PDB file of N, CA and C in Angstrom:
ATOM      1  N   MET A   1     110.051  99.739  98.135  1.00  0.00           N
ATOM      2  CA  MET A   1     109.727 100.001  99.753  1.00  0.00           C
ATOM      3  C   MET A   1     108.816  98.742  99.908  1.00  0.00           C
ATOM      4  N   PRO A   2     109.019  97.372 100.393  1.00  0.00           N
ATOM      5  CA  PRO A   2     108.149  96.458 100.283  1.00  0.00           C
ATOM      6  C   PRO A   2     106.970  96.820 101.254  1.00  0.00           C
ATOM      7  N   ARG A   3     105.778  96.147 100.617  1.00  0.00           N
ATOM      8  CA  ARG A   3     104.538  96.424 101.280  1.00  0.00           C
ATOM      9  C   ARG A   3     104.140  95.555 102.220  1.00  0.00           C
ATOM     10  N   MET A   4     103.724  95.959 103.481  1.00  0.00           N
ATOM     11  CA  MET A   4     102.980  95.584 104.363  1.00  0.00           C
ATOM     12  C   MET A   4     101.995  95.818 104.989  1.00  0.00           C
ATOM     13  N   PHE A   5     101.117  94.527 105.263  1.00  0.00           N
ATOM     14  CA  PHE A   5      99.991  94.749 105.748  1.00  0.00           C
ATOM     15  C   PHE A   5     100.058  95.303 107.101  1.00  0.00           C
ATOM     16  N   GLN A   6      99.990  96.568 107.568  1.00  0.00           N
ATOM     17  CA  GLN A   6      99.952  97.211 108.979  1.00  0.00           C
ATOM     18  C   GLN A   6      98.689  97.000 110.077  1.00  0.00           C
ATOM     19  N   GLY A   7      98.618  97.654 111.190  1.00  0.00           N
ATOM     20  CA  GLY A   7      97.246  97.225 111.803  1.00  0.00           C
ATOM     21  C   GLY A   7      96.511  96.130 111.360  1.00  0.00           C
ATOM     22  N   ASP A   8      94.865  96.365 111.230  1.00  0.00           N
ATOM     23  CA  ASP A   8      94.350  95.426 111.234  1.00  0.00           C
ATOM     24  C   ASP A   8      93.661  94.975 109.783  1.00  0.00           C
ATOM     25  N   ALA A   9      94.682  95.504 108.394  1.00  0.00           N
ATOM     26  CA  ALA A   9      94.691  95.324 107.337  1.00  0.00           C
ATOM     27  C   ALA A   9      94.897  94.035 106.473  1.00  0.00           C
ATOM     28  N   LEU A  10      95.025  93.243 107.077  1.00  0.00           N
ATOM     29  CA  LEU A  10      95.433  91.361 106.859  1.00  0.00           C
ATOM     30  C   LEU A  10      93.883  90.999 107.116  1.00  0.00           C
ATOM     31  N   GLU A  11      93.637  91.727 108.649  1.00  0.00           N
ATOM     32  CA  GLU A  11      91.999  91.022 108.641  1.00  0.00           C
ATOM     33  C   GLU A  11      91.212  91.142 108.148  1.00  0.00           C
ATOM     34  N   HIS A  12      91.299  92.836 108.056  1.00  0.00           N
ATOM     35  CA  HIS A  12      90.282  93.086 107.122  1.00  0.00           C
ATOM     36  C   HIS A  12      90.300  92.819 105.251  1.00  0.00           C
ATOM     37  N   ALA A  13      91.210  92.465 104.996  1.00  0.00           N
ATOM     38  CA  ALA A  13      91.196  91.960 103.792  1.00  0.00           C
ATOM     39  C   ALA A  13      90.644  90.226 103.941  1.00  0.00           C
ATOM     40  N   LEU A  14      90.936  89.677 105.108  1.00  0.00           N
ATOM     41  CA  LEU A  14      90.334  88.194 105.411  1.00  0.00           C
ATOM     42  C   LEU A  14      88.967  88.619 105.414  1.00  0.00           C
ATOM     43  N   ARG A  15      88.638  89.157 105.919  1.00  0.00           N
ATOM     44  CA  ARG A  15      86.725  89.520 106.519  1.00  0.00           C
ATOM     45  C   ARG A  15      86.557  89.758 105.372  1.00  0.00           C
ATOM     46  N   THR A  16      86.985  90.618 104.187  1.00  0.00           N
ATOM     47  CA  THR A  16      86.408  90.776 102.420  1.00  0.00           C
ATOM     48  C   THR A  16      86.340  89.836 102.112  1.00  0.00           C
ATOM     49  N   ALA A  17      87.499  89.075 102.162  1.00  0.00           N
ATOM     50  CA  ALA A  17      87.521  87.951 100.955  1.00  0.00           C
ATOM     51  C   ALA A  17      86.200  86.552 101.636  1.00  0.00           C
ATOM     52  N   ARG A  18      85.875  86.523 102.916  1.00  0.00           N
ATOM     53  CA  ARG A  18      85.245  85.717 103.807  1.00  0.00           C
ATOM     54  C   ARG A  18      85.887  84.654 103.990  1.00  0.00           C
ATOM     55  N   LEU A  19      87.318  84.607 104.365  1.00  0.00           N
ATOM     56  CA  LEU A  19      88.060  83.441 104.777  1.00  0.00           C
ATOM     57  C   LEU A  19      88.059  83.835 106.287  1.00  0.00           C
ATOM     58  N   ASP A  20      87.964  81.971 106.744  1.00  0.00           N
ATOM     59  CA  ASP A  20      88.063  82.058 108.338  1.00  0.00           C
ATOM     60  C   ASP A  20      89.315  81.405 108.269  1.00  0.00           C
ATOM     61  N   VAL A  21      90.333  82.406 108.761  1.00  0.00           N
ATOM     62  CA  VAL A  21      91.537  81.862 109.452  1.00  0.00           C
ATOM     63  C   VAL A  21      92.112  82.213 110.615  1.00  0.00           C
ATOM     64  N   PRO A  22      92.012  80.994 111.779  1.00  0.00           N
ATOM     65  CA  PRO A  22      91.886  81.072 113.069  1.00  0.00           C
ATOM     66  C   PRO A  22      93.513  82.085 113.486  1.00  0.00           C
ATOM     67  N   PRO A  23      92.948  82.670 114.281  1.00  0.00           N
ATOM     68  CA  PRO A  23      94.046  83.697 115.221  1.00  0.00           C
ATOM     69  C   PRO A  23      95.376  83.340 115.106  1.00  0.00           C
ATOM     70  N   ASP A  24      95.483  81.945 115.387  1.00  0.00           N
ATOM     71  CA  ASP A  24      97.099  81.488 115.509  1.00  0.00           C
ATOM     72  C   ASP A  24      97.747  81.512 114.472  1.00  0.00           C
ATOM     73  N   ARG A  25      97.005  81.107 112.895  1.00  0.00           N
ATOM     74  CA  ARG A  25      97.658  81.061 111.656  1.00  0.00           C
ATOM     75  C   ARG A  25      97.875  82.610 111.105  1.00  0.00           C
ATOM     76  N   VAL A  26      97.297  83.634 111.360  1.00  0.00           N
ATOM     77  CA  VAL A  26      96.965  84.989 110.680  1.00  0.00           C
ATOM     78  C   VAL A  26      98.573  85.320 110.802  1.00  0.00           C
ATOM     79  N   GLU A  27      99.503  85.154 111.933  1.00  0.00           N
ATOM     80  CA  GLU A  27     100.517  86.088 111.745  1.00  0.00           C
ATOM     81  C   GLU A  27     101.712  85.172 110.392  1.00  0.00           C
ATOM     82  N   ILE A  28     101.160  83.965 110.494  1.00  0.00           N
ATOM     83  CA  ILE A  28     101.917  82.722 109.684  1.00  0.00           C
ATOM     84  C   ILE A  28     101.433  83.448 108.182  1.00  0.00           C
ATOM     85  N   LEU A  29     100.446  83.576 107.965  1.00  0.00           N
ATOM     86  CA  LEU A  29      99.729  84.262 106.581  1.00  0.00           C
ATOM     87  C   LEU A  29     100.111  85.553 106.538  1.00  0.00           C
ATOM     88  N   ARG A  30     100.247  86.242 106.972  1.00  0.00           N
ATOM     89  CA  ARG A  30     100.728  87.947 107.171  1.00  0.00           C
ATOM     90  C   ARG A  30     102.253  87.873 106.409  1.00  0.00           C
ATOM     91  N   ALA A  31     103.376  86.772 106.864  1.00  0.00           N
ATOM     92  CA  ALA A  31     104.557  86.583 106.371  1.00  0.00           C
ATOM     93  C   ALA A  31     104.721  86.177 105.203  1.00  0.00           C
ATOM     94  N   THR A  32     103.631  85.161 104.915  1.00  0.00           N
ATOM     95  CA  THR A  32     103.584  84.783 103.315  1.00  0.00           C
ATOM     96  C   THR A  32     103.256  85.707 102.444  1.00  0.00           C
ATOM     97  N   VAL A  33     101.904  86.411 102.798  1.00  0.00           N
ATOM     98  CA  VAL A  33     101.613  87.724 101.994  1.00  0.00           C
ATOM     99  C   VAL A  33     102.918  88.731 102.013  1.00  0.00           C
ATOM    100  N   GLU A  34     103.378  88.679 102.559  1.00  0.00           N
ATOM    101  CA  GLU A  34     104.103  89.756 102.471  1.00  0.00           C
ATOM    102  C   GLU A  34     105.441  89.221 101.707  1.00  0.00           C
ATOM    103  N   SER A  35     105.563  88.023 101.633  1.00  0.00           N
ATOM    104  CA  SER A  35     106.706  87.495 100.990  1.00  0.00           C
ATOM    105  C   SER A  35     106.416  87.724  99.494  1.00  0.00           C
ATOM    106  N   VAL A  36     104.953  87.049  98.957  1.00  0.00           N
ATOM    107  CA  VAL A  36     104.415  87.528  97.748  1.00  0.00           C
ATOM    108  C   VAL A  36     104.382  88.840  97.396  1.00  0.00           C
ATOM    109  N   TYR A  37     103.809  89.998  97.872  1.00  0.00           N
ATOM    110  CA  TYR A  37     103.836  91.212  97.823  1.00  0.00           C
ATOM    111  C   TYR A  37     105.806  91.548  97.644  1.00  0.00           C
ATOM    112  N   SER A  38     106.522  90.928  97.841  1.00  0.00           N
ATOM    113  CA  SER A  38     108.023  91.426  97.951  1.00  0.00           C
ATOM    114  C   SER A  38     108.582  91.171  96.118  1.00  0.00           C
ATOM    115  N   VAL A  39     108.189  89.742  96.279  1.00  0.00           N
ATOM    116  CA  VAL A  39     108.235  89.222  95.035  1.00  0.00           C
ATOM    117  C   VAL A  39     107.742  90.060  93.686  1.00  0.00           C
ATOM    118  N   LEU A  40     106.392  90.557  94.073  1.00  0.00           N
ATOM    119  CA  LEU A  40     105.934  91.152  92.848  1.00  0.00           C
ATOM    120  C   LEU A  40     106.481  92.403  92.650  1.00  0.00           C
ATOM    121  N   ASP A  41     106.734  93.075  93.996  1.00  0.00           N
ATOM    122  CA  ASP A  41     107.615  94.509  93.870  1.00  0.00           C
ATOM    123  C   ASP A  41     108.705  94.077  92.767  1.00  0.00           C
ATOM    124  N   GLN A  42     109.388  93.598  93.134  1.00  0.00           N
ATOM    125  CA  GLN A  42     110.563  93.039  92.195  1.00  0.00           C
ATOM    126  C   GLN A  42     110.161  92.840  90.840  1.00  0.00           C
ATOM    127  N   LEU A  43     109.039  92.566  90.509  1.00  0.00           N
ATOM    128  CA  LEU A  43     108.815  92.312  89.125  1.00  0.00           C
ATOM    129  C   LEU A  43     108.047  93.346  88.500  1.00  0.00           C
ATOM    130  N   ASP A  44     107.893  94.464  89.684  1.00  0.00           N
ATOM    131  CA  ASP A  44     107.821  96.189  88.536  1.00  0.00           C
ATOM    132  C   ASP A  44     108.679  96.985  88.862  1.00  0.00           C
ATOM    133  N   THR A  45     109.801  96.407  88.991  1.00  0.00           N
ATOM    134  CA  THR A  45     111.051  96.784  88.885  1.00  0.00           C
ATOM    135  C   THR A  45     111.538  96.644  87.178  1.00  0.00           C
ATOM    136  N   LEU A  46     111.395  95.645  86.787  1.00  0.00           N
ATOM    137  CA  LEU A  46     111.762  95.354  85.526  1.00  0.00           C
ATOM    138  C   LEU A  46     111.484  96.157  84.230  1.00  0.00           C
ATOM    139  N   ASP A  47     112.531  96.437  83.239  1.00  0.00           N
ATOM    140  CA  ASP A  47     112.585  97.094  82.313  1.00  0.00           C
ATOM    141  C   ASP A  47     111.970  96.502  81.185  1.00  0.00           C
ATOM    142  N   LEU A  48     110.979  96.233  80.653  1.00  0.00           N
ATOM    143  CA  LEU A  48     110.633  95.525  79.759  1.00  0.00           C
ATOM    144  C   LEU A  48     110.749  96.341  78.279  1.00  0.00           C
ATOM    145  N   GLY A  49     111.086  97.218  78.232  1.00  0.00           N
ATOM    146  CA  GLY A  49     111.421  97.848  77.078  1.00  0.00           C
ATOM    147  C   GLY A  49     110.245  98.379  76.273  1.00  0.00           C
ATOM    148  N   GLU A  50     110.221  98.017  74.949  1.00  0.00           N
ATOM    149  CA  GLU A  50     109.176  98.126  74.255  1.00  0.00           C
ATOM    150  C   GLU A  50     108.175  96.972  74.082  1.00  0.00           C
ATOM    151  N   THR A  51     108.600  96.042  74.798  1.00  0.00           N
ATOM    152  CA  THR A  51     107.084  95.071  75.081  1.00  0.00           C
ATOM    153  C   THR A  51     106.038  95.586  75.353  1.00  0.00           C
ATOM    154  N   PRO A  52     105.397  95.209  74.058  1.00  0.00           N
ATOM    155  CA  PRO A  52     103.469  95.558  74.336  1.00  0.00           C
ATOM    156  C   PRO A  52     103.314  94.814  75.339  1.00  0.00           C
ATOM    157  N   PRO A  53     101.939  95.461  76.042  1.00  0.00           N
ATOM    158  CA  PRO A  53     101.025  94.396  77.033  1.00  0.00           C
ATOM    159  C   PRO A  53     100.851  93.068  76.040  1.00  0.00           C
ATOM    160  N   ALA A  54     100.191  91.619  76.746  1.00  0.00           N
ATOM    161  CA  ALA A  54      99.336  91.112  76.148  1.00  0.00           C
ATOM    162  C   ALA A  54      98.178  91.119  76.576  1.00  0.00           C
ATOM    163  N   THR A  55      97.840  91.486  75.353  1.00  0.00           N
ATOM    164  CA  THR A  55      95.807  91.530  75.374  1.00  0.00           C
ATOM    165  C   THR A  55      95.404  90.169  75.296  1.00  0.00           C
ATOM    166  N   ALA A  56      95.873  89.215  75.243  1.00  0.00           N
ATOM    167  CA  ALA A  56      95.162  87.722  74.899  1.00  0.00           C
ATOM    168  C   ALA A  56      96.198  86.681  75.374  1.00  0.00           C
ATOM    169  N   LEU A  57      95.991  85.824  75.437  1.00  0.00           N
ATOM    170  CA  LEU A  57      96.458  84.622  76.477  1.00  0.00           C
ATOM    171  C   LEU A  57      95.789  83.131  75.568  1.00  0.00           C
ATOM    172  N   ASN A  58      96.471  82.501  74.783  1.00  0.00           N
ATOM    173  CA  ASN A  58      96.293  81.154  74.381  1.00  0.00           C
ATOM    174  C   ASN A  58      97.068  79.968  75.457  1.00  0.00           C
ATOM    175  N   ALA A  59      96.653  79.290  76.575  1.00  0.00           N
ATOM    176  CA  ALA A  59      96.835  78.570  77.290  1.00  0.00           C
ATOM    177  C   ALA A  59      97.072  76.939  76.849  1.00  0.00           C
ATOM    178  N   ARG A  60      96.963  76.718  75.277  1.00  0.00           N
ATOM    179  CA  ARG A  60      97.407  75.369  74.977  1.00  0.00           C
ATOM    180  C   ARG A  60      98.644  75.226  74.909  1.00  0.00           C
ATOM    181  N   TRP A  61      99.008  74.236  75.339  1.00  0.00           N
ATOM    182  CA  TRP A  61     100.297  73.730  74.658  1.00  0.00           C
ATOM    183  C   TRP A  61     101.011  73.283  73.583  1.00  0.00           C
ATOM    184  N   GLU A  62     100.790  73.510  72.504  1.00  0.00           N
ATOM    185  CA  GLU A  62     101.091  73.010  71.353  1.00  0.00           C
ATOM    186  C   GLU A  62     102.243  74.184  70.696  1.00  0.00           C
TER     187      GLU A  62
END
């Protein structure tokens, strides 16, 4: 089930993050955030089998 920002949840998140988003941009942002959550929900369904969680990251490209 896709996650959706209902009511003033997105506005509350924006206030908590201290982001000043003009009212005319909030609905555009809502659609974008819901899209991102949709992708994350799809990733949650992947069966990783016996893959252990990553405990460290070496970001060098060697």
